[in-house]
C-alpha atoms as a PDB file:
ATOM      1  CA  UNK A   1      -6.391  57.341  10.964  1.00  0.00           C
ATOM      2  CA  UNK A   2      -5.885  53.937  12.563  1.00  0.00           C
ATOM      3  CA  UNK A   3      -9.624  53.313  12.443  1.00  0.00           C
ATOM      4  CA  UNK A   4      -9.679  54.119   8.735  1.00  0.00           C
ATOM      5  CA  UNK A   5      -6.833  51.651   8.023  1.00  0.00           C
ATOM      6  CA  UNK A   6      -8.455  48.916  10.135  1.00  0.00           C
ATOM      7  CA  UNK A   7     -11.813  49.455   8.417  1.00  0.00           C
ATOM      8  CA  UNK A   8     -10.179  49.325   4.975  1.00  0.00           C
ATOM      9  CA  UNK A   9      -8.394  46.051   5.853  1.00  0.00           C
ATOM     10  CA  UNK A  10     -11.614  44.483   7.146  1.00  0.00           C
ATOM     11  CA  UNK A  11     -13.541  45.532   4.036  1.00  0.00           C
ATOM     12  CA  UNK A  12     -10.767  44.124   1.847  1.00  0.00           C
ATOM     13  CA  UNK A  13     -10.900  40.799   3.668  1.00  0.00           C
ATOM     14  CA  UNK A  14     -14.688  40.697   3.459  1.00  0.00           C
ATOM     15  CA  UNK A  15     -14.523  41.334  -0.284  1.00  0.00           C
ATOM     16  CA  UNK A  16     -12.279  38.284  -0.718  1.00  0.00           C
ATOM     17  CA  UNK A  17     -15.190  36.032   0.203  1.00  0.00           C
ATOM     18  CA  UNK A  18     -17.803  37.194  -2.247  1.00  0.00           C
ATOM     19  CA  UNK A  19     -20.323  34.760  -0.839  1.00  0.00           C
ATOM     20  CA  UNK A  20     -19.877  32.338  -3.699  1.00  0.00           C
ATOM     21  CA  UNK A  21     -19.804  28.847  -2.239  1.00  0.00           C
ATOM     22  CA  UNK A  22     -19.496  27.024  -5.563  1.00  0.00           C
ATOM     23  CA  UNK A  23     -16.819  24.342  -5.540  1.00  0.00           C
ATOM     24  CA  UNK A  24     -13.840  24.964  -7.727  1.00  0.00           C
ATOM     25  CA  UNK A  25     -14.057  22.945 -10.900  1.00  0.00           C
ATOM     26  CA  UNK A  26     -10.984  21.161 -12.107  1.00  0.00           C
ATOM     27  CA  UNK A  27     -10.537  18.951 -15.087  1.00  0.00           C
ATOM     28  CA  UNK A  28     -10.082  15.280 -14.229  1.00  0.00           C
ATOM     29  CA  UNK A  29      -6.439  14.327 -14.244  1.00  0.00           C
ATOM     30  CA  UNK A  30      -5.329  11.472 -16.443  1.00  0.00           C
ATOM     31  CA  UNK A  31      -2.795   9.031 -15.012  1.00  0.00           C
ATOM     32  CA  UNK A  32       0.458   8.982 -16.894  1.00  0.00           C
ATOM     33  CA  UNK A  33       2.066   5.568 -17.168  1.00  0.00           C
ATOM     34  CA  UNK A  34       5.822   5.552 -17.606  1.00  0.00           C
ATOM     35  CA  UNK A  35       7.268   2.387 -19.100  1.00  0.00           C
ATOM     36  CA  UNK A  36      10.894   1.464 -19.319  1.00  0.00           C
ATOM     37  CA  UNK A  37      12.410  -0.593 -22.099  1.00  0.00           C
ATOM     38  CA  UNK A  38      13.129  -3.241 -19.445  1.00  0.00           C
ATOM     39  CA  UNK A  39       9.438  -3.476 -18.499  1.00  0.00           C
ATOM     40  CA  UNK A  40       8.354  -3.773 -22.118  1.00  0.00           C
ATOM     41  CA  UNK A  41      11.129  -6.241 -22.962  1.00  0.00           C
ATOM     42  CA  UNK A  42      10.026  -8.602 -20.195  1.00  0.00           C
ATOM     43  CA  UNK A  43       6.588  -8.855 -21.828  1.00  0.00           C
ATOM     44  CA  UNK A  44       8.197  -9.855 -25.110  1.00  0.00           C
ATOM     45  CA  UNK A  45      10.444 -12.648 -23.835  1.00  0.00           C
ATOM     46  CA  UNK A  46       9.700 -16.292 -24.515  1.00  0.00           C
ATOM     47  CA  UNK A  47       9.015 -18.508 -21.493  1.00  0.00           C
ATOM     48  CA  UNK A  48      12.575 -19.761 -21.051  1.00  0.00           C
ATOM     49  CA  UNK A  49      14.159 -16.303 -21.152  1.00  0.00           C
ATOM     50  CA  UNK A  50      11.442 -14.826 -18.922  1.00  0.00           C
ATOM     51  CA  UNK A  51      12.146 -17.582 -16.363  1.00  0.00           C
ATOM     52  CA  UNK A  52      15.877 -16.801 -16.507  1.00  0.00           C
ATOM     53  CA  UNK A  53      15.288 -13.055 -16.086  1.00  0.00           C
ATOM     54  CA  UNK A  54      12.948 -13.512 -13.118  1.00  0.00           C
ATOM     55  CA  UNK A  55      15.323 -16.071 -11.532  1.00  0.00           C
ATOM     56  CA  UNK A  56      18.127 -13.512 -11.749  1.00  0.00           C
ATOM     57  CA  UNK A  57      15.929 -10.844 -10.145  1.00  0.00           C
ATOM     58  CA  UNK A  58      15.134 -13.238  -7.267  1.00  0.00           C
ATOM     59  CA  UNK A  59      18.785 -14.185  -6.812  1.00  0.00           C
ATOM     60  CA  UNK A  60      19.947 -10.550  -7.050  1.00  0.00           C
ATOM     61  CA  UNK A  61      17.624  -9.730  -4.144  1.00  0.00           C
ATOM     62  CA  UNK A  62      19.492 -12.280  -2.026  1.00  0.00           C
ATOM     63  CA  UNK A  63      16.836 -15.001  -2.166  1.00  0.00           C
ATOM     64  CA  UNK A  64      17.557 -18.587  -3.225  1.00  0.00           C
ATOM     65  CA  UNK A  65      16.176 -19.894  -6.520  1.00  0.00           C
ATOM     66  CA  UNK A  66      17.987 -22.599  -8.476  1.00  0.00           C
ATOM     67  CA  UNK A  67      15.405 -22.822 -11.272  1.00  0.00           C
ATOM     68  CA  UNK A  68      12.063 -21.157 -12.087  1.00  0.00           C
ATOM     69  CA  UNK A  69       9.450 -23.808 -12.862  1.00  0.00           C
ATOM     70  CA  UNK A  70       6.534 -21.462 -13.543  1.00  0.00           C
ATOM     71  CA  UNK A  71       6.297 -17.738 -14.208  1.00  0.00           C
ATOM     72  CA  UNK A  72       3.974 -15.161 -15.653  1.00  0.00           C
ATOM     73  CA  UNK A  73       2.586 -11.667 -15.648  1.00  0.00           C
ATOM     74  CA  UNK A  74       0.131 -10.814 -12.858  1.00  0.00           C
ATOM     75  CA  UNK A  75      -0.938  -7.169 -13.320  1.00  0.00           C
ATOM     76  CA  UNK A  76       0.151  -3.554 -13.152  1.00  0.00           C
ATOM     77  CA  UNK A  77       0.505  -2.305  -9.585  1.00  0.00           C
ATOM     78  CA  UNK A  78       0.896   1.468  -9.365  1.00  0.00           C
ATOM     79  CA  UNK A  79       3.817   2.118 -11.747  1.00  0.00           C
ATOM     80  CA  UNK A  80       5.193  -1.408 -11.401  1.00  0.00           C
ATOM     81  CA  UNK A  81       4.674  -4.467 -13.579  1.00  0.00           C
ATOM     82  CA  UNK A  82       3.935  -7.370 -11.242  1.00  0.00           C
ATOM     83  CA  UNK A  83       5.186 -10.854 -12.147  1.00  0.00           C
ATOM     84  CA  UNK A  84       4.998 -14.147 -10.288  1.00  0.00           C
ATOM     85  CA  UNK A  85       7.583 -16.921 -10.294  1.00  0.00           C
ATOM     86  CA  UNK A  86       7.681 -20.339  -8.634  1.00  0.00           C
ATOM     87  CA  UNK A  87      11.104 -21.837  -7.986  1.00  0.00           C
ATOM     88  CA  UNK A  88      12.062 -25.526  -7.957  1.00  0.00           C
ATOM     89  CA  UNK A  89      11.920 -25.470  -4.142  1.00  0.00           C
ATOM     90  CA  UNK A  90       8.177 -24.581  -4.437  1.00  0.00           C
ATOM     91  CA  UNK A  91       8.676 -21.045  -3.066  1.00  0.00           C
ATOM     92  CA  UNK A  92       6.548 -18.457  -4.850  1.00  0.00           C
ATOM     93  CA  UNK A  93       7.762 -14.926  -5.469  1.00  0.00           C
ATOM     94  CA  UNK A  94       6.186 -11.640  -6.522  1.00  0.00           C
ATOM     95  CA  UNK A  95       8.551  -9.579  -8.651  1.00  0.00           C
ATOM     96  CA  UNK A  96       7.730  -5.906  -9.171  1.00  0.00           C
ATOM     97  CA  UNK A  97       9.579  -4.308 -12.093  1.00  0.00           C
ATOM     98  CA  UNK A  98       9.803  -0.524 -11.977  1.00  0.00           C
ATOM     99  CA  UNK A  99       9.939   2.032 -14.779  1.00  0.00           C
ATOM    100  CA  UNK A 100      13.615   2.565 -13.942  1.00  0.00           C
ATOM    101  CA  UNK A 101      14.378  -1.112 -14.597  1.00  0.00           C
ATOM    102  CA  UNK A 102      14.675  -1.972 -10.911  1.00  0.00           C
ATOM    103  CA  UNK A 103      13.083  -5.068  -9.410  1.00  0.00           C
ATOM    104  CA  UNK A 104      11.609  -5.631  -5.957  1.00  0.00           C
ATOM    105  CA  UNK A 105      11.061  -9.222  -4.836  1.00  0.00           C
ATOM    106  CA  UNK A 106       8.618 -10.329  -2.148  1.00  0.00           C
ATOM    107  CA  UNK A 107       7.476 -13.786  -1.059  1.00  0.00           C
ATOM    108  CA  UNK A 108       3.925 -14.363  -2.282  1.00  0.00           C
ATOM    109  CA  UNK A 109       2.976 -15.469   1.228  1.00  0.00           C
ATOM    110  CA  UNK A 110       3.400 -11.805   2.316  1.00  0.00           C
ATOM    111  CA  UNK A 111       0.819 -10.455  -0.144  1.00  0.00           C
ATOM    112  CA  UNK A 112      -2.087 -10.276   2.307  1.00  0.00           C
ATOM    113  CA  UNK A 113      -0.053  -8.825   5.179  1.00  0.00           C
ATOM    114  CA  UNK A 114       1.467  -6.175   2.891  1.00  0.00           C
ATOM    115  CA  UNK A 115      -1.858  -5.566   1.073  1.00  0.00           C
ATOM    116  CA  UNK A 116      -0.361  -6.544  -2.279  1.00  0.00           C
ATOM    117  CA  UNK A 117      -2.303  -8.118  -5.141  1.00  0.00           C
ATOM    118  CA  UNK A 118      -2.466 -11.932  -5.108  1.00  0.00           C
ATOM    119  CA  UNK A 119       0.262 -13.765  -7.034  1.00  0.00           C
ATOM    120  CA  UNK A 120      -2.154 -15.145  -9.615  1.00  0.00           C
ATOM    121  CA  UNK A 121      -0.749 -15.327 -13.122  1.00  0.00           C
ATOM    122  CA  UNK A 122      -2.998 -13.714 -15.745  1.00  0.00           C
ATOM    123  CA  UNK A 123      -4.648 -15.820 -18.465  1.00  0.00           C
ATOM    124  CA  UNK A 124      -1.884 -14.668 -20.828  1.00  0.00           C
ATOM    125  CA  UNK A 125       1.368 -15.197 -18.871  1.00  0.00           C
ATOM    126  CA  UNK A 126       3.240 -12.780 -21.174  1.00  0.00           C
ATOM    127  CA  UNK A 127       0.920  -9.946 -20.158  1.00  0.00           C
ATOM    128  CA  UNK A 128       0.538  -8.809 -23.772  1.00  0.00           C
ATOM    129  CA  UNK A 129      -3.232  -9.394 -23.849  1.00  0.00           C
ATOM    130  CA  UNK A 130      -4.054  -7.519 -20.644  1.00  0.00           C
ATOM    131  CA  UNK A 131      -1.768  -4.628 -21.581  1.00  0.00           C
ATOM    132  CA  UNK A 132      -3.508  -4.329 -24.971  1.00  0.00           C
ATOM    133  CA  UNK A 133      -6.877  -4.240 -23.225  1.00  0.00           C
ATOM    134  CA  UNK A 134      -5.578  -1.392 -21.051  1.00  0.00           C
ATOM    135  CA  UNK A 135      -4.715   0.615 -24.160  1.00  0.00           C
ATOM    136  CA  UNK A 136      -0.983   0.036 -24.021  1.00  0.00           C
ATOM    137  CA  UNK A 137       0.951  -0.793 -27.161  1.00  0.00           C
ATOM    138  CA  UNK A 138       1.704  -4.428 -27.705  1.00  0.00           C
ATOM    139  CA  UNK A 139       5.046  -5.342 -29.237  1.00  0.00           C
ATOM    140  CA  UNK A 140       5.801  -8.818 -30.422  1.00  0.00           C
ATOM    141  CA  UNK A 141       9.142 -10.425 -31.071  1.00  0.00           C
ATOM    142  CA  UNK A 142      10.290 -10.513 -34.658  1.00  0.00           C
ATOM    143  CA  UNK A 143      10.980 -14.102 -35.709  1.00  0.00           C
END
């Protein structure tokens, strides 16, 4: 009786591998980009208000910045919108804005060590052009 049970189990296991070595086919997965109103709003600010918003993000992270002299959109990095800001003291910052409205601030000098994208502002510092090219909706401020 035990031999019969063992033989049945072995045959069942052997039947599981039908000899088919074809790889399982799966449909390619599309990345889903989640955007917060805060991320989209930052793209629609004029230069002065963008500078103020990025200055506040830098200061809220505990870093000094009396005035932003230059700022702009860099690129999307994972689910974060990456911005760059230069303060009056010549320090350059990378600001990563998350879909939850949070901001992470890093000195641009750390980009290589942390394997982050370079802090190079895109041709359109608002980021509207590059986002439109990536198939994202572009909203403009109503005047």
